[in-house]
Amino acid sequence: MAFRPAGVGRFALDGDELCGDPHPELQGHLVVESRDHFLAWFEEQRKSMPTRKAL
């Protein structure tokens, strides 16, 4: 499945779009952030990861 967002925001997804007819009750969402916001979040995630200790 591929998405081509028209802009930044939170977009609702229905189960039948994700899984087909068997799961119409499922709900999901797609969050589209600006590049700068994403890179700042990514850097915070990287900083919080444990580092590997040298053997």
Protein backbone atom coordinates (compact mmCIF):
# COMPACT_ATOMS: atom_id res chain seq x y z
CA MET A 1 0.00 0.00 0.00
CA ALA A 2 1.38 3.42 -0.89
CA PHE A 3 0.27 6.89 0.08
CA ARG A 4 0.93 10.20 -1.58
CA PRO A 5 -0.06 12.84 0.98
CA ALA A 6 -1.36 16.19 -0.14
CA GLY A 7 -0.08 17.87 3.01
CA VAL A 8 0.74 17.57 6.68
CA GLY A 9 -1.91 16.16 9.01
CA ARG A 10 -3.63 13.11 10.46
CA PHE A 11 -5.73 11.09 8.06
CA ALA A 12 -8.31 8.42 8.94
CA LEU A 13 -8.11 5.01 7.31
CA ASP A 14 -10.95 2.49 7.25
CA GLY A 15 -10.37 -1.23 7.70
CA ASP A 16 -11.81 -2.10 4.33
CA GLU A 17 -9.18 0.17 2.75
CA LEU A 18 -6.42 -1.57 4.75
CA CYS A 19 -7.57 -5.20 4.78
CA GLY A 20 -10.50 -5.47 2.43
CA ASP A 21 -14.13 -6.36 3.10
CA PRO A 22 -13.54 -8.81 6.01
CA HIS A 23 -12.47 -6.01 8.41
CA PRO A 24 -14.70 -2.95 7.91
CA GLU A 25 -14.79 -2.26 11.68
CA LEU A 26 -11.03 -1.72 11.95
CA GLN A 27 -9.80 1.84 12.07
CA GLY A 28 -6.37 3.30 11.54
CA HIS A 29 -4.67 6.59 10.87
CA LEU A 30 -1.78 7.93 8.89
CA VAL A 31 0.26 10.80 10.31
CA VAL A 32 2.15 13.02 7.89
CA GLU A 33 4.71 15.37 9.44
CA SER A 34 6.89 18.03 7.90
CA ARG A 35 10.42 16.91 7.06
CA ASP A 36 11.91 19.16 9.76
CA HIS A 37 9.53 17.83 12.42
CA PHE A 38 10.27 14.24 11.42
CA LEU A 39 14.04 14.75 11.46
CA ALA A 40 13.87 16.36 14.93
CA TRP A 41 11.79 13.41 16.20
CA PHE A 42 14.18 10.92 14.58
CA GLU A 43 17.19 12.56 16.22
CA GLU A 44 15.49 12.36 19.64
CA GLN A 45 14.80 8.66 19.08
CA ARG A 46 18.40 8.06 18.08
CA LYS A 47 19.72 9.82 21.19
CA SER A 48 17.52 7.75 23.48
CA MET A 49 18.69 4.40 22.09
CA PRO A 50 21.21 2.46 24.17
CA THR A 51 24.71 2.38 22.76
CA ARG A 52 26.62 -0.80 22.10
CA LYS A 53 29.50 -1.30 24.45
CA ALA A 54 32.81 -2.28 22.94
CA LEU A 55 33.86 -5.82 23.79
